[in-house]
N, C-alpha and C. Protein backbone atom coordinates (compact mmCIF):
# COMPACT_ATOMS: atom_id res chain seq x y z
N MET A 1 0.53 31.29 -14.03
CA MET A 1 0.66 29.84 -14.07
C MET A 1 -0.58 29.20 -13.45
N THR A 2 -1.19 28.29 -14.19
CA THR A 2 -2.37 27.61 -13.67
C THR A 2 -1.95 26.46 -12.77
N GLN A 3 -2.80 26.20 -11.82
CA GLN A 3 -2.52 25.10 -10.89
C GLN A 3 -2.86 23.77 -11.54
N ALA A 4 -2.08 22.77 -11.24
CA ALA A 4 -2.30 21.43 -11.78
C ALA A 4 -3.62 20.87 -11.27
N ALA A 5 -4.33 20.19 -12.14
CA ALA A 5 -5.54 19.48 -11.75
C ALA A 5 -5.13 18.25 -10.96
N ARG A 6 -5.76 18.04 -9.84
CA ARG A 6 -5.44 16.88 -9.01
C ARG A 6 -6.36 15.72 -9.32
N VAL A 7 -5.77 14.57 -9.50
CA VAL A 7 -6.52 13.35 -9.79
C VAL A 7 -6.35 12.41 -8.61
N ALA A 8 -7.47 12.06 -7.98
CA ALA A 8 -7.46 11.10 -6.88
C ALA A 8 -7.48 9.69 -7.46
N ILE A 9 -6.58 8.86 -7.00
CA ILE A 9 -6.58 7.45 -7.39
C ILE A 9 -6.89 6.64 -6.14
N LEU A 10 -8.07 6.07 -6.12
CA LEU A 10 -8.56 5.34 -4.96
C LEU A 10 -8.66 3.86 -5.29
N GLY A 11 -8.75 3.06 -4.26
CA GLY A 11 -8.93 1.63 -4.46
C GLY A 11 -8.46 0.86 -3.24
N ALA A 12 -8.87 -0.37 -3.20
CA ALA A 12 -8.50 -1.25 -2.10
C ALA A 12 -7.04 -1.65 -2.21
N GLU A 13 -6.56 -2.35 -1.21
CA GLU A 13 -5.19 -2.85 -1.19
C GLU A 13 -4.94 -3.74 -2.40
N SER A 14 -3.75 -3.68 -2.90
CA SER A 14 -3.31 -4.56 -3.99
C SER A 14 -4.21 -4.45 -5.23
N SER A 15 -4.63 -3.20 -5.52
CA SER A 15 -5.46 -3.00 -6.70
C SER A 15 -4.72 -2.23 -7.80
N GLY A 16 -3.45 -1.91 -7.57
CA GLY A 16 -2.65 -1.29 -8.61
C GLY A 16 -2.63 0.22 -8.62
N LYS A 17 -3.03 0.86 -7.53
CA LYS A 17 -3.05 2.33 -7.48
C LYS A 17 -1.68 2.94 -7.72
N SER A 18 -0.67 2.46 -7.00
CA SER A 18 0.68 3.03 -7.12
C SER A 18 1.25 2.81 -8.51
N THR A 19 1.06 1.63 -9.04
CA THR A 19 1.56 1.32 -10.39
C THR A 19 0.90 2.25 -11.41
N LEU A 20 -0.40 2.43 -11.27
CA LEU A 20 -1.13 3.31 -12.19
C LEU A 20 -0.68 4.75 -12.05
N ALA A 21 -0.56 5.23 -10.82
CA ALA A 21 -0.14 6.63 -10.60
C ALA A 21 1.22 6.89 -11.21
N ALA A 22 2.16 5.99 -11.01
CA ALA A 22 3.51 6.16 -11.56
C ALA A 22 3.48 6.15 -13.08
N ALA A 23 2.71 5.24 -13.67
CA ALA A 23 2.63 5.14 -15.13
C ALA A 23 1.97 6.38 -15.73
N LEU A 24 0.92 6.88 -15.09
CA LEU A 24 0.26 8.08 -15.60
C LEU A 24 1.16 9.30 -15.49
N ALA A 25 1.93 9.38 -14.42
CA ALA A 25 2.87 10.51 -14.27
C ALA A 25 3.89 10.51 -15.40
N ILE A 26 4.37 9.34 -15.76
CA ILE A 26 5.31 9.25 -16.89
C ILE A 26 4.61 9.66 -18.18
N ARG A 27 3.43 9.13 -18.40
CA ARG A 27 2.71 9.42 -19.65
C ARG A 27 2.41 10.90 -19.82
N TYR A 28 2.07 11.57 -18.70
CA TYR A 28 1.70 12.99 -18.75
C TYR A 28 2.84 13.92 -18.34
N ASP A 29 4.05 13.37 -18.24
CA ASP A 29 5.24 14.16 -17.94
C ASP A 29 5.03 15.06 -16.73
N THR A 30 4.65 14.43 -15.62
CA THR A 30 4.38 15.17 -14.40
C THR A 30 4.84 14.34 -13.20
N VAL A 31 4.38 14.69 -12.04
CA VAL A 31 4.75 13.98 -10.81
C VAL A 31 3.51 13.32 -10.22
N TRP A 32 3.78 12.43 -9.28
CA TRP A 32 2.69 11.79 -8.55
C TRP A 32 3.04 11.77 -7.08
N VAL A 33 2.04 11.61 -6.24
CA VAL A 33 2.22 11.57 -4.79
C VAL A 33 2.03 10.14 -4.32
N PRO A 34 3.11 9.48 -3.90
CA PRO A 34 2.97 8.12 -3.39
C PRO A 34 2.15 8.08 -2.10
N GLU A 35 1.62 6.91 -1.82
CA GLU A 35 0.82 6.70 -0.62
C GLU A 35 1.72 6.74 0.62
N TYR A 36 1.47 7.71 1.50
CA TYR A 36 2.28 7.84 2.71
C TYR A 36 2.11 6.63 3.64
N LEU A 37 0.93 6.03 3.66
CA LEU A 37 0.70 4.89 4.54
C LEU A 37 1.73 3.79 4.31
N ARG A 38 2.07 3.54 3.05
CA ARG A 38 3.06 2.50 2.74
C ARG A 38 4.40 2.84 3.41
N GLU A 39 4.81 4.09 3.31
CA GLU A 39 6.07 4.51 3.95
C GLU A 39 5.97 4.36 5.46
N PHE A 40 4.84 4.75 6.03
CA PHE A 40 4.62 4.64 7.47
C PHE A 40 4.81 3.19 7.92
N VAL A 41 4.17 2.26 7.22
CA VAL A 41 4.23 0.84 7.59
C VAL A 41 5.67 0.32 7.47
N GLU A 42 6.35 0.70 6.40
CA GLU A 42 7.74 0.25 6.22
C GLU A 42 8.66 0.83 7.28
N THR A 43 8.47 2.09 7.61
CA THR A 43 9.33 2.75 8.60
C THR A 43 9.06 2.25 10.02
N GLU A 44 7.79 2.16 10.38
CA GLU A 44 7.40 1.77 11.74
C GLU A 44 7.39 0.26 11.94
N LYS A 45 7.41 -0.49 10.83
CA LYS A 45 7.37 -1.96 10.88
C LYS A 45 6.08 -2.48 11.53
N ARG A 46 5.00 -1.72 11.29
CA ARG A 46 3.69 -2.10 11.82
C ARG A 46 2.62 -1.28 11.12
N VAL A 47 1.39 -1.73 11.25
CA VAL A 47 0.26 -0.96 10.73
C VAL A 47 -0.07 0.13 11.76
N PRO A 48 -0.74 1.18 11.32
CA PRO A 48 -1.04 2.27 12.26
C PRO A 48 -2.13 1.90 13.26
N PHE A 49 -2.09 2.62 14.37
CA PHE A 49 -3.16 2.53 15.35
C PHE A 49 -4.24 3.53 14.96
N GLU A 50 -5.40 3.38 15.53
CA GLU A 50 -6.52 4.26 15.19
C GLU A 50 -6.17 5.73 15.39
N HIS A 51 -5.53 6.06 16.49
CA HIS A 51 -5.24 7.47 16.76
C HIS A 51 -4.21 8.07 15.79
N GLU A 52 -3.56 7.25 14.97
CA GLU A 52 -2.58 7.74 14.00
C GLU A 52 -3.17 8.01 12.62
N GLN A 53 -4.40 7.61 12.41
CA GLN A 53 -5.02 7.73 11.10
C GLN A 53 -5.09 9.18 10.60
N CYS A 54 -5.51 10.08 11.45
CA CYS A 54 -5.64 11.48 11.03
C CYS A 54 -4.28 12.05 10.66
N GLY A 55 -3.25 11.75 11.43
CA GLY A 55 -1.90 12.22 11.11
C GLY A 55 -1.41 11.68 9.77
N ILE A 56 -1.76 10.45 9.47
CA ILE A 56 -1.39 9.86 8.17
C ILE A 56 -2.09 10.60 7.04
N ALA A 57 -3.37 10.88 7.21
CA ALA A 57 -4.11 11.64 6.19
C ALA A 57 -3.55 13.05 6.03
N ARG A 58 -3.20 13.68 7.14
CA ARG A 58 -2.61 15.04 7.06
C ARG A 58 -1.28 15.02 6.32
N CYS A 59 -0.46 14.05 6.62
CA CYS A 59 0.84 13.94 5.94
C CYS A 59 0.63 13.71 4.44
N GLN A 60 -0.34 12.89 4.09
CA GLN A 60 -0.64 12.65 2.67
C GLN A 60 -1.01 13.97 2.00
N MET A 61 -1.84 14.75 2.66
CA MET A 61 -2.28 16.03 2.10
C MET A 61 -1.12 17.02 2.00
N GLU A 62 -0.25 17.04 3.00
CA GLU A 62 0.92 17.93 2.95
C GLU A 62 1.83 17.58 1.79
N ARG A 63 2.03 16.30 1.57
CA ARG A 63 2.87 15.86 0.45
C ARG A 63 2.21 16.20 -0.88
N GLU A 64 0.91 16.11 -0.91
CA GLU A 64 0.17 16.48 -2.12
C GLU A 64 0.35 17.98 -2.41
N ARG A 65 0.22 18.80 -1.38
CA ARG A 65 0.41 20.25 -1.57
C ARG A 65 1.82 20.56 -2.04
N ALA A 66 2.81 19.90 -1.47
CA ALA A 66 4.20 20.13 -1.86
C ALA A 66 4.44 19.70 -3.31
N ALA A 67 3.88 18.58 -3.70
CA ALA A 67 4.07 18.07 -5.07
C ALA A 67 3.36 18.95 -6.09
N ALA A 68 2.29 19.60 -5.69
CA ALA A 68 1.53 20.44 -6.62
C ALA A 68 2.42 21.51 -7.25
N GLY A 69 3.40 21.99 -6.51
CA GLY A 69 4.31 23.00 -7.04
C GLY A 69 5.23 22.48 -8.14
N CYS A 70 5.41 21.19 -8.21
CA CYS A 70 6.29 20.57 -9.22
C CYS A 70 5.51 19.96 -10.38
N ALA A 71 4.20 19.88 -10.24
CA ALA A 71 3.38 19.19 -11.23
C ALA A 71 3.14 20.07 -12.45
N ARG A 72 3.06 19.41 -13.58
CA ARG A 72 2.60 20.06 -14.81
C ARG A 72 1.09 19.90 -14.84
N ALA A 73 0.42 20.10 -15.83
CA ALA A 73 -1.04 20.17 -15.94
C ALA A 73 -1.84 19.31 -14.96
N VAL A 74 -1.26 18.18 -14.53
CA VAL A 74 -2.01 17.26 -13.68
C VAL A 74 -1.10 16.67 -12.59
N LEU A 75 -1.68 16.41 -11.43
CA LEU A 75 -0.98 15.77 -10.31
C LEU A 75 -1.76 14.51 -9.94
N PHE A 76 -1.09 13.37 -9.98
CA PHE A 76 -1.73 12.11 -9.65
C PHE A 76 -1.49 11.80 -8.17
N CYS A 77 -2.59 11.59 -7.43
CA CYS A 77 -2.53 11.40 -5.99
C CYS A 77 -2.91 9.97 -5.65
N ASP A 78 -1.91 9.19 -5.27
CA ASP A 78 -2.11 7.79 -4.89
C ASP A 78 -2.70 7.76 -3.50
N THR A 79 -3.97 7.88 -3.45
CA THR A 79 -4.86 7.86 -2.30
C THR A 79 -5.09 9.27 -1.76
N THR A 80 -6.11 9.37 -0.92
CA THR A 80 -6.51 10.64 -0.30
C THR A 80 -7.07 10.32 1.08
N PRO A 81 -7.44 11.34 1.87
CA PRO A 81 -8.09 11.06 3.16
C PRO A 81 -9.36 10.21 3.03
N PHE A 82 -9.97 10.23 1.86
CA PHE A 82 -11.14 9.38 1.60
C PHE A 82 -10.83 7.92 1.95
N MET A 83 -9.68 7.43 1.47
CA MET A 83 -9.31 6.03 1.72
C MET A 83 -8.93 5.80 3.18
N THR A 84 -8.26 6.77 3.79
CA THR A 84 -7.91 6.63 5.21
C THR A 84 -9.17 6.48 6.04
N ALA A 85 -10.19 7.27 5.70
CA ALA A 85 -11.47 7.18 6.42
C ALA A 85 -12.14 5.84 6.17
N ILE A 86 -12.06 5.34 4.95
CA ILE A 86 -12.63 4.01 4.64
C ILE A 86 -11.99 2.96 5.56
N TYR A 87 -10.67 2.97 5.61
CA TYR A 87 -9.98 1.96 6.43
C TYR A 87 -10.27 2.15 7.92
N SER A 88 -10.42 3.38 8.38
CA SER A 88 -10.80 3.59 9.78
C SER A 88 -12.16 2.96 10.06
N GLN A 89 -13.08 3.17 9.15
CA GLN A 89 -14.41 2.59 9.31
C GLN A 89 -14.36 1.06 9.29
N VAL A 90 -13.57 0.51 8.36
CA VAL A 90 -13.48 -0.95 8.24
C VAL A 90 -12.83 -1.56 9.48
N TYR A 91 -11.72 -1.00 9.95
CA TYR A 91 -10.97 -1.62 11.04
C TYR A 91 -11.46 -1.27 12.43
N TRP A 92 -11.97 -0.05 12.63
CA TRP A 92 -12.37 0.35 13.97
C TRP A 92 -13.85 0.68 14.09
N GLY A 93 -14.57 0.60 12.99
CA GLY A 93 -16.00 0.84 13.04
C GLY A 93 -16.39 2.29 13.20
N ARG A 94 -15.45 3.19 13.02
CA ARG A 94 -15.74 4.62 13.17
C ARG A 94 -14.63 5.44 12.50
N VAL A 95 -14.93 6.72 12.32
CA VAL A 95 -13.97 7.68 11.78
C VAL A 95 -13.97 8.86 12.73
N ASP A 96 -12.81 9.19 13.29
CA ASP A 96 -12.80 10.30 14.25
C ASP A 96 -13.14 11.61 13.54
N ALA A 97 -13.57 12.59 14.32
CA ALA A 97 -14.09 13.85 13.77
C ALA A 97 -13.06 14.60 12.93
N GLN A 98 -11.80 14.60 13.35
CA GLN A 98 -10.78 15.32 12.58
C GLN A 98 -10.54 14.66 11.23
N LEU A 99 -10.47 13.35 11.20
CA LEU A 99 -10.29 12.64 9.94
C LEU A 99 -11.54 12.81 9.07
N ALA A 100 -12.70 12.76 9.66
CA ALA A 100 -13.94 12.97 8.90
C ALA A 100 -13.95 14.35 8.24
N ALA A 101 -13.43 15.34 8.94
CA ALA A 101 -13.37 16.70 8.36
C ALA A 101 -12.43 16.73 7.16
N LEU A 102 -11.29 16.06 7.25
CA LEU A 102 -10.37 15.99 6.11
C LEU A 102 -11.02 15.24 4.95
N ASP A 103 -11.70 14.17 5.26
CA ASP A 103 -12.35 13.35 4.25
C ASP A 103 -13.49 14.11 3.56
N ALA A 104 -14.15 14.98 4.28
CA ALA A 104 -15.31 15.71 3.73
C ALA A 104 -14.93 16.59 2.55
N VAL A 105 -13.68 17.01 2.48
CA VAL A 105 -13.22 17.87 1.39
C VAL A 105 -12.59 16.98 0.32
N HIS A 106 -13.33 16.72 -0.72
CA HIS A 106 -12.81 15.89 -1.82
C HIS A 106 -12.71 16.80 -3.04
N GLY A 107 -11.67 17.64 -3.07
CA GLY A 107 -11.53 18.65 -4.12
C GLY A 107 -10.75 18.15 -5.32
N TYR A 108 -11.13 17.04 -5.86
CA TYR A 108 -10.43 16.46 -7.01
C TYR A 108 -11.39 16.49 -8.21
N PRO A 109 -10.99 17.13 -9.29
CA PRO A 109 -11.89 17.17 -10.44
C PRO A 109 -12.04 15.82 -11.15
N LEU A 110 -11.15 14.88 -10.84
CA LEU A 110 -11.26 13.54 -11.40
C LEU A 110 -10.87 12.53 -10.33
N THR A 111 -11.69 11.50 -10.20
CA THR A 111 -11.43 10.41 -9.28
C THR A 111 -11.40 9.12 -10.09
N LEU A 112 -10.27 8.42 -10.00
CA LEU A 112 -10.12 7.12 -10.62
C LEU A 112 -10.20 6.06 -9.52
N VAL A 113 -10.90 4.97 -9.79
CA VAL A 113 -10.97 3.87 -8.83
C VAL A 113 -10.35 2.65 -9.51
N ALA A 114 -9.32 2.11 -8.88
CA ALA A 114 -8.65 0.91 -9.41
C ALA A 114 -9.46 -0.32 -9.03
N ALA A 115 -9.89 -1.05 -10.03
CA ALA A 115 -10.66 -2.28 -9.80
C ALA A 115 -9.75 -3.36 -9.20
N PRO A 116 -10.30 -4.19 -8.33
CA PRO A 116 -9.50 -5.27 -7.73
C PRO A 116 -9.51 -6.52 -8.61
N ASP A 117 -9.14 -6.36 -9.88
CA ASP A 117 -9.26 -7.47 -10.82
C ASP A 117 -7.94 -8.15 -11.15
N GLY A 118 -6.86 -7.69 -10.58
CA GLY A 118 -5.58 -8.37 -10.74
C GLY A 118 -5.36 -9.32 -9.59
N PRO A 119 -4.27 -10.04 -9.61
CA PRO A 119 -4.00 -10.95 -8.50
C PRO A 119 -3.76 -10.19 -7.19
N TRP A 120 -4.27 -10.75 -6.12
CA TRP A 120 -4.00 -10.18 -4.81
C TRP A 120 -2.62 -10.65 -4.38
N VAL A 121 -1.77 -9.70 -3.98
CA VAL A 121 -0.41 -10.03 -3.60
C VAL A 121 -0.18 -9.59 -2.16
N PRO A 122 0.04 -10.54 -1.24
CA PRO A 122 0.32 -10.15 0.15
C PRO A 122 1.68 -9.47 0.24
N ASP A 123 1.78 -8.50 1.15
CA ASP A 123 3.08 -7.84 1.33
C ASP A 123 3.52 -7.84 2.79
N GLY A 124 2.94 -8.70 3.57
CA GLY A 124 3.36 -8.81 4.96
C GLY A 124 2.45 -8.06 5.90
N LEU A 125 2.76 -6.79 6.16
CA LEU A 125 2.03 -6.05 7.18
C LEU A 125 0.77 -5.35 6.69
N GLN A 126 0.80 -4.84 5.49
CA GLN A 126 -0.24 -3.90 5.08
C GLN A 126 -1.46 -4.54 4.43
N ARG A 127 -1.36 -5.73 3.95
CA ARG A 127 -2.47 -6.32 3.20
C ARG A 127 -3.07 -7.51 3.94
N ASP A 128 -4.39 -7.56 3.94
CA ASP A 128 -5.09 -8.59 4.71
C ASP A 128 -5.43 -9.83 3.90
N SER A 129 -6.26 -9.68 2.88
CA SER A 129 -6.71 -10.84 2.12
C SER A 129 -7.45 -10.38 0.88
N ALA A 130 -7.64 -11.32 -0.04
CA ALA A 130 -8.41 -11.01 -1.25
C ALA A 130 -9.86 -10.68 -0.88
N ALA A 131 -10.40 -11.35 0.11
CA ALA A 131 -11.78 -11.08 0.54
C ALA A 131 -11.89 -9.67 1.12
N MET A 132 -10.92 -9.27 1.91
CA MET A 132 -10.94 -7.91 2.47
C MET A 132 -10.82 -6.88 1.35
N ARG A 133 -9.99 -7.17 0.36
CA ARG A 133 -9.82 -6.26 -0.78
C ARG A 133 -11.18 -6.03 -1.46
N LEU A 134 -11.94 -7.08 -1.67
CA LEU A 134 -13.26 -6.94 -2.30
C LEU A 134 -14.22 -6.14 -1.42
N ALA A 135 -14.19 -6.38 -0.12
CA ALA A 135 -15.06 -5.65 0.80
C ALA A 135 -14.71 -4.16 0.80
N VAL A 136 -13.43 -3.84 0.81
CA VAL A 136 -13.01 -2.44 0.79
C VAL A 136 -13.38 -1.79 -0.54
N HIS A 137 -13.18 -2.52 -1.63
CA HIS A 137 -13.57 -1.97 -2.93
C HIS A 137 -15.05 -1.60 -2.93
N GLN A 138 -15.89 -2.49 -2.42
CA GLN A 138 -17.32 -2.20 -2.38
C GLN A 138 -17.61 -1.00 -1.48
N ALA A 139 -16.89 -0.88 -0.37
CA ALA A 139 -17.06 0.27 0.52
C ALA A 139 -16.70 1.57 -0.20
N VAL A 140 -15.65 1.53 -1.02
CA VAL A 140 -15.24 2.72 -1.79
C VAL A 140 -16.36 3.12 -2.75
N ILE A 141 -16.85 2.17 -3.53
CA ILE A 141 -17.90 2.45 -4.50
C ILE A 141 -19.15 2.97 -3.79
N ASP A 142 -19.55 2.31 -2.72
CA ASP A 142 -20.75 2.73 -1.98
C ASP A 142 -20.61 4.16 -1.47
N LYS A 143 -19.45 4.48 -0.92
CA LYS A 143 -19.25 5.82 -0.36
C LYS A 143 -19.21 6.88 -1.46
N LEU A 144 -18.55 6.59 -2.57
CA LEU A 144 -18.54 7.54 -3.69
C LEU A 144 -19.96 7.81 -4.17
N GLU A 145 -20.74 6.76 -4.31
CA GLU A 145 -22.12 6.93 -4.78
C GLU A 145 -22.98 7.65 -3.75
N ARG A 146 -22.82 7.32 -2.48
CA ARG A 146 -23.57 7.99 -1.41
C ARG A 146 -23.27 9.49 -1.40
N ARG A 147 -22.00 9.85 -1.64
CA ARG A 147 -21.61 11.27 -1.62
C ARG A 147 -21.73 11.93 -3.00
N ALA A 148 -22.22 11.20 -3.97
CA ALA A 148 -22.41 11.71 -5.34
C ALA A 148 -21.10 12.26 -5.92
N ILE A 149 -20.01 11.54 -5.66
CA ILE A 149 -18.72 11.88 -6.25
C ILE A 149 -18.57 11.04 -7.51
N GLY A 150 -18.44 11.70 -8.64
CA GLY A 150 -18.26 10.99 -9.89
C GLY A 150 -16.90 10.29 -9.91
N TYR A 151 -16.84 9.17 -10.58
CA TYR A 151 -15.58 8.43 -10.64
C TYR A 151 -15.52 7.63 -11.93
N THR A 152 -14.30 7.26 -12.29
CA THR A 152 -14.06 6.38 -13.42
C THR A 152 -13.41 5.12 -12.89
N LEU A 153 -14.04 3.99 -13.11
CA LEU A 153 -13.48 2.70 -12.71
C LEU A 153 -12.50 2.27 -13.79
N VAL A 154 -11.27 2.00 -13.40
CA VAL A 154 -10.26 1.52 -14.35
C VAL A 154 -9.96 0.07 -14.02
N SER A 155 -9.90 -0.75 -15.08
CA SER A 155 -9.72 -2.18 -14.87
C SER A 155 -8.89 -2.77 -15.99
N GLY A 156 -8.53 -4.04 -15.80
CA GLY A 156 -7.77 -4.75 -16.82
C GLY A 156 -6.27 -4.56 -16.63
N SER A 157 -5.55 -4.72 -17.72
CA SER A 157 -4.08 -4.59 -17.69
C SER A 157 -3.70 -3.13 -17.43
N LEU A 158 -2.44 -2.92 -17.14
CA LEU A 158 -1.96 -1.55 -16.93
C LEU A 158 -2.23 -0.71 -18.17
N GLU A 159 -1.98 -1.25 -19.33
CA GLU A 159 -2.21 -0.51 -20.57
C GLU A 159 -3.68 -0.14 -20.72
N GLN A 160 -4.57 -1.06 -20.37
CA GLN A 160 -6.01 -0.77 -20.45
C GLN A 160 -6.40 0.31 -19.44
N ARG A 161 -5.83 0.23 -18.25
CA ARG A 161 -6.12 1.23 -17.23
C ARG A 161 -5.63 2.62 -17.66
N ILE A 162 -4.45 2.67 -18.24
CA ILE A 162 -3.92 3.94 -18.72
C ILE A 162 -4.84 4.52 -19.80
N ALA A 163 -5.30 3.67 -20.70
CA ALA A 163 -6.21 4.12 -21.76
C ALA A 163 -7.53 4.63 -21.17
N GLN A 164 -8.08 3.92 -20.20
CA GLN A 164 -9.34 4.34 -19.58
C GLN A 164 -9.15 5.65 -18.83
N ALA A 165 -8.05 5.76 -18.10
CA ALA A 165 -7.76 7.01 -17.40
C ALA A 165 -7.55 8.14 -18.40
N GLY A 166 -6.87 7.84 -19.50
CA GLY A 166 -6.63 8.85 -20.53
C GLY A 166 -7.92 9.40 -21.11
N GLN A 167 -8.92 8.56 -21.31
CA GLN A 167 -10.21 9.03 -21.81
C GLN A 167 -10.84 10.00 -20.82
N ALA A 168 -10.76 9.69 -19.54
CA ALA A 168 -11.30 10.58 -18.51
C ALA A 168 -10.49 11.88 -18.45
N LEU A 169 -9.17 11.76 -18.58
CA LEU A 169 -8.31 12.95 -18.55
C LEU A 169 -8.54 13.83 -19.77
N ASP A 170 -8.90 13.25 -20.90
CA ASP A 170 -9.20 14.04 -22.11
C ASP A 170 -10.31 15.06 -21.84
N ARG A 171 -11.24 14.69 -20.98
CA ARG A 171 -12.35 15.60 -20.65
C ARG A 171 -11.93 16.64 -19.62
N LEU A 172 -10.84 16.39 -18.91
CA LEU A 172 -10.40 17.26 -17.83
C LEU A 172 -9.36 18.28 -18.25
N LEU A 173 -8.38 17.83 -19.02
CA LEU A 173 -7.23 18.66 -19.34
C LEU A 173 -7.44 19.48 -20.60
N PRO A 174 -6.81 20.64 -20.67
CA PRO A 174 -6.87 21.42 -21.91
C PRO A 174 -6.30 20.60 -23.07
N ARG A 175 -6.79 20.83 -24.25
CA ARG A 175 -6.43 20.07 -25.44
C ARG A 175 -4.92 19.95 -25.64
N GLN A 176 -4.17 21.03 -25.53
CA GLN A 176 -2.74 20.96 -25.81
C GLN A 176 -1.99 20.09 -24.83
N GLU A 177 -2.46 19.94 -23.62
CA GLU A 177 -1.79 19.09 -22.64
C GLU A 177 -2.04 17.61 -22.91
N ASN A 178 -3.14 17.32 -23.60
CA ASN A 178 -3.52 15.93 -23.82
C ASN A 178 -2.83 15.29 -25.01
N ASN A 179 -2.26 16.06 -25.87
CA ASN A 179 -1.65 15.51 -27.09
C ASN A 179 -0.29 14.91 -26.79
N ARG A 180 -0.28 13.83 -26.03
CA ARG A 180 0.95 13.15 -25.63
C ARG A 180 0.93 11.75 -26.18
């Protein structure tokens, strides 16, 4: 049995990562890994402190490993330690060494970046502003380019994003898995 290809879905707050991950999982008859940070914020009723960032990234990775056993040809990952490190840098001006080590390993054969082109929707605790969303988006792009990580920017409606992601997935997945 071959291991599922992992697809990182990155992007700023309120850019449609979760919606895209769920839709792609349905389209490709597989599973996706929801963003643990959202669960953390809902459960704790607050945003994380700096010292909790690494634990959040570790939990995200553990859930990703667990989901990999249930995934078919592809596993969609709604965020990775890459984004946790971005937010650490944005909010605290630094990334601790343990989180940086997790972030350094970006073993995803495909990275999708959700463009911040839809309406910004506040959700109370987790989202700051449309301006912050744009700043984080630029930080994501800059970091991907600095680290020479290839990515596909997906934009527009959900249907357009699915089509754009599908084109990138066509190059990644074996032919028989793509005929969906």
